[in-house]
Amino acid sequence: MEELSKSKIQGGFMAKGKDVRITVILECTCCVRNGVNKVSTGISRYITEKNRHNTPNRLELRKFCPFCYKHTIHEEIKK
């Protein structure tokens, strides 16, 4: 019986739940708050993935914003 269940697990017969890794969009907080520079229009956005179980809260990372010309905090937004 044990050998049968091990082979099922290794063979991929187990049912998978919801996807653990989800795709999220990170948006620059400075561009949104202050408005974008008059010279260049746009808002810096990055696409990345996060593990839903390890990080249930919104993700915040320091990334480079080409519109602000500096490293700023980028927060997760809804799709």
N, C-alpha and C. Protein backbone atom coordinates (compact mmCIF):
# COMPACT_ATOMS: atom_id res chain seq x y z
N MET A 1 0.82 -1.20 0.00
CA MET A 1 0.00 0.00 0.00
C MET A 1 0.86 1.26 0.00
N GLU A 2 1.95 1.23 0.80
CA GLU A 2 2.83 2.41 0.86
C GLU A 2 3.49 2.66 -0.49
N GLU A 3 3.91 1.61 -1.15
CA GLU A 3 4.57 1.76 -2.44
C GLU A 3 3.63 2.36 -3.47
N LEU A 4 2.40 2.00 -3.42
CA LEU A 4 1.41 2.52 -4.36
C LEU A 4 1.20 4.02 -4.15
N SER A 5 1.05 4.44 -2.89
CA SER A 5 0.83 5.86 -2.62
C SER A 5 2.06 6.70 -2.97
N LYS A 6 3.26 6.16 -2.73
CA LYS A 6 4.49 6.89 -3.08
C LYS A 6 4.57 7.08 -4.60
N SER A 7 4.23 6.04 -5.34
CA SER A 7 4.31 6.16 -6.79
C SER A 7 3.29 7.16 -7.33
N LYS A 8 2.12 7.24 -6.67
CA LYS A 8 1.13 8.23 -7.10
C LYS A 8 1.64 9.64 -6.86
N ILE A 9 2.27 9.87 -5.72
CA ILE A 9 2.80 11.20 -5.40
C ILE A 9 3.90 11.57 -6.38
N GLN A 10 4.82 10.64 -6.63
CA GLN A 10 5.92 10.92 -7.53
C GLN A 10 5.46 11.04 -8.97
N GLY A 11 4.42 10.31 -9.32
CA GLY A 11 3.92 10.33 -10.69
C GLY A 11 3.08 11.54 -11.01
N GLY A 12 2.69 12.31 -10.00
CA GLY A 12 1.91 13.51 -10.24
C GLY A 12 0.41 13.28 -10.30
N PHE A 13 -0.07 12.22 -9.67
CA PHE A 13 -1.50 11.95 -9.69
C PHE A 13 -2.26 12.70 -8.61
N MET A 14 -1.54 13.30 -7.69
CA MET A 14 -2.20 14.03 -6.59
C MET A 14 -2.86 15.29 -7.15
N ALA A 15 -4.01 15.63 -6.63
CA ALA A 15 -4.72 16.82 -7.08
C ALA A 15 -4.04 18.07 -6.52
N LYS A 16 -3.88 19.08 -7.34
CA LYS A 16 -3.26 20.33 -6.91
C LYS A 16 -4.34 21.31 -6.51
N GLY A 17 -4.05 22.10 -5.47
CA GLY A 17 -5.00 23.11 -5.02
C GLY A 17 -4.84 24.37 -5.84
N LYS A 18 -5.15 25.50 -5.22
CA LYS A 18 -4.98 26.78 -5.91
C LYS A 18 -3.50 27.02 -6.16
N ASP A 19 -3.20 27.81 -7.16
CA ASP A 19 -1.80 28.13 -7.44
C ASP A 19 -1.22 28.90 -6.27
N VAL A 20 -0.05 28.48 -5.82
CA VAL A 20 0.59 29.14 -4.69
C VAL A 20 1.27 30.42 -5.15
N ARG A 21 1.93 30.37 -6.31
CA ARG A 21 2.62 31.55 -6.83
C ARG A 21 1.67 32.32 -7.75
N ILE A 22 1.53 33.63 -7.47
CA ILE A 22 0.66 34.46 -8.29
C ILE A 22 1.46 35.62 -8.86
N THR A 23 1.03 36.13 -9.99
CA THR A 23 1.67 37.27 -10.64
C THR A 23 1.10 38.56 -10.07
N VAL A 24 1.99 39.50 -9.70
CA VAL A 24 1.56 40.78 -9.14
C VAL A 24 2.22 41.92 -9.91
N ILE A 25 1.60 43.09 -9.86
CA ILE A 25 2.15 44.29 -10.50
C ILE A 25 2.57 45.25 -9.41
N LEU A 26 3.81 45.76 -9.49
CA LEU A 26 4.33 46.73 -8.53
C LEU A 26 4.34 48.10 -9.20
N GLU A 27 3.83 49.12 -8.50
CA GLU A 27 3.73 50.46 -9.05
C GLU A 27 4.46 51.45 -8.15
N CYS A 28 5.16 52.41 -8.75
CA CYS A 28 5.93 53.42 -8.01
C CYS A 28 4.98 54.30 -7.19
N THR A 29 5.29 54.47 -5.91
CA THR A 29 4.43 55.29 -5.04
C THR A 29 4.69 56.78 -5.25
N CYS A 30 5.91 57.17 -5.60
CA CYS A 30 6.23 58.60 -5.80
C CYS A 30 5.53 59.15 -7.04
N CYS A 31 5.52 58.40 -8.12
CA CYS A 31 4.88 58.86 -9.36
C CYS A 31 3.38 59.04 -9.15
N VAL A 32 2.78 58.13 -8.41
CA VAL A 32 1.33 58.18 -8.19
C VAL A 32 0.98 59.34 -7.27
N ARG A 33 1.75 59.52 -6.19
CA ARG A 33 1.44 60.56 -5.21
C ARG A 33 1.71 61.96 -5.74
N ASN A 34 2.89 62.17 -6.29
CA ASN A 34 3.31 63.52 -6.70
C ASN A 34 2.94 63.86 -8.12
N GLY A 35 2.42 62.95 -8.86
CA GLY A 35 2.22 63.18 -10.28
C GLY A 35 3.55 62.96 -10.97
N VAL A 36 3.52 62.74 -12.22
CA VAL A 36 4.74 62.43 -12.96
C VAL A 36 5.41 63.73 -13.42
N ASN A 37 6.74 63.67 -13.61
CA ASN A 37 7.47 64.83 -14.11
C ASN A 37 6.83 65.33 -15.40
N LYS A 38 6.85 66.61 -15.62
CA LYS A 38 6.24 67.17 -16.83
C LYS A 38 7.04 66.78 -18.08
N VAL A 39 8.34 66.49 -17.90
CA VAL A 39 9.18 66.14 -19.04
C VAL A 39 8.77 64.77 -19.60
N SER A 40 8.63 63.78 -18.74
CA SER A 40 8.26 62.44 -19.20
C SER A 40 6.98 62.00 -18.51
N THR A 41 6.06 61.46 -19.28
CA THR A 41 4.79 61.01 -18.69
C THR A 41 4.81 59.51 -18.54
N GLY A 42 4.22 59.03 -17.48
CA GLY A 42 4.13 57.59 -17.25
C GLY A 42 4.34 57.26 -15.79
N ILE A 43 4.04 56.02 -15.45
CA ILE A 43 4.22 55.52 -14.09
C ILE A 43 5.03 54.24 -14.19
N SER A 44 6.04 54.12 -13.35
CA SER A 44 6.90 52.95 -13.37
C SER A 44 6.16 51.75 -12.81
N ARG A 45 6.14 50.64 -13.56
CA ARG A 45 5.49 49.41 -13.12
C ARG A 45 6.41 48.23 -13.40
N TYR A 46 6.44 47.31 -12.46
CA TYR A 46 7.19 46.06 -12.60
C TYR A 46 6.22 44.90 -12.42
N ILE A 47 6.48 43.79 -13.12
CA ILE A 47 5.69 42.58 -12.97
C ILE A 47 6.58 41.53 -12.32
N THR A 48 6.08 40.88 -11.27
CA THR A 48 6.83 39.85 -10.57
C THR A 48 5.87 38.81 -10.02
N GLU A 49 6.40 37.82 -9.33
CA GLU A 49 5.59 36.78 -8.71
C GLU A 49 5.83 36.76 -7.22
N LYS A 50 4.82 36.33 -6.47
CA LYS A 50 5.00 36.15 -5.03
C LYS A 50 4.32 34.87 -4.60
N ASN A 51 4.77 34.33 -3.48
CA ASN A 51 4.17 33.14 -2.91
C ASN A 51 3.03 33.57 -2.00
N ARG A 52 1.84 33.15 -2.32
CA ARG A 52 0.64 33.57 -1.60
C ARG A 52 0.67 33.13 -0.14
N HIS A 53 1.26 31.98 0.17
CA HIS A 53 1.28 31.47 1.54
C HIS A 53 2.33 32.19 2.39
N ASN A 54 3.50 32.47 1.83
CA ASN A 54 4.56 33.13 2.59
C ASN A 54 4.34 34.62 2.74
N THR A 55 3.71 35.27 1.76
CA THR A 55 3.48 36.72 1.78
C THR A 55 2.01 37.01 1.53
N PRO A 56 1.16 36.90 2.53
CA PRO A 56 -0.26 37.16 2.31
C PRO A 56 -0.57 38.66 2.17
N ASN A 57 0.28 39.51 2.75
CA ASN A 57 0.06 40.97 2.67
C ASN A 57 0.55 41.50 1.34
N ARG A 58 0.26 42.78 1.10
CA ARG A 58 0.73 43.41 -0.14
C ARG A 58 2.25 43.54 -0.14
N LEU A 59 2.84 43.31 -1.29
CA LEU A 59 4.28 43.32 -1.44
C LEU A 59 4.79 44.74 -1.66
N GLU A 60 5.90 45.10 -1.00
CA GLU A 60 6.56 46.40 -1.20
C GLU A 60 8.04 46.15 -1.43
N LEU A 61 8.57 46.63 -2.54
CA LEU A 61 9.98 46.46 -2.86
C LEU A 61 10.58 47.79 -3.31
N ARG A 62 11.89 47.97 -3.05
CA ARG A 62 12.59 49.15 -3.54
C ARG A 62 13.13 48.83 -4.93
N LYS A 63 12.63 49.56 -5.93
CA LYS A 63 13.04 49.35 -7.32
C LYS A 63 13.40 50.70 -7.94
N PHE A 64 14.10 50.66 -9.07
CA PHE A 64 14.47 51.89 -9.76
C PHE A 64 13.30 52.38 -10.60
N CYS A 65 12.97 53.67 -10.45
CA CYS A 65 11.92 54.29 -11.24
C CYS A 65 12.58 55.18 -12.30
N PRO A 66 12.41 54.87 -13.58
CA PRO A 66 13.04 55.68 -14.63
C PRO A 66 12.41 57.07 -14.77
N PHE A 67 11.21 57.28 -14.22
CA PHE A 67 10.56 58.58 -14.32
C PHE A 67 10.99 59.51 -13.19
N CYS A 68 11.28 58.94 -12.01
CA CYS A 68 11.78 59.73 -10.88
C CYS A 68 13.31 59.81 -10.89
N TYR A 69 13.97 58.94 -11.65
CA TYR A 69 15.42 58.83 -11.73
C TYR A 69 16.05 58.49 -10.38
N LYS A 70 15.38 57.63 -9.59
CA LYS A 70 15.95 57.18 -8.32
C LYS A 70 15.25 55.89 -7.89
N HIS A 71 15.80 55.25 -6.86
CA HIS A 71 15.18 54.06 -6.28
C HIS A 71 14.06 54.49 -5.35
N THR A 72 12.86 53.96 -5.56
CA THR A 72 11.70 54.30 -4.75
C THR A 72 10.98 53.03 -4.34
N ILE A 73 10.02 53.16 -3.45
CA ILE A 73 9.21 52.02 -3.02
C ILE A 73 8.12 51.77 -4.05
N HIS A 74 8.03 50.54 -4.48
CA HIS A 74 7.00 50.11 -5.40
C HIS A 74 6.05 49.19 -4.65
N GLU A 75 4.75 49.48 -4.68
CA GLU A 75 3.76 48.69 -3.96
C GLU A 75 2.93 47.86 -4.93
N GLU A 76 2.41 46.76 -4.41
CA GLU A 76 1.55 45.87 -5.18
C GLU A 76 0.20 46.55 -5.41
N ILE A 77 -0.31 46.45 -6.65
CA ILE A 77 -1.61 47.02 -6.97
C ILE A 77 -2.53 45.90 -7.43
N LYS A 78 -3.83 46.18 -7.46
CA LYS A 78 -4.78 45.18 -7.98
C LYS A 78 -4.73 45.17 -9.49
N LYS A 79 -5.03 44.02 -10.07
CA LYS A 79 -5.04 43.90 -11.53
C LYS A 79 -6.32 44.43 -12.08
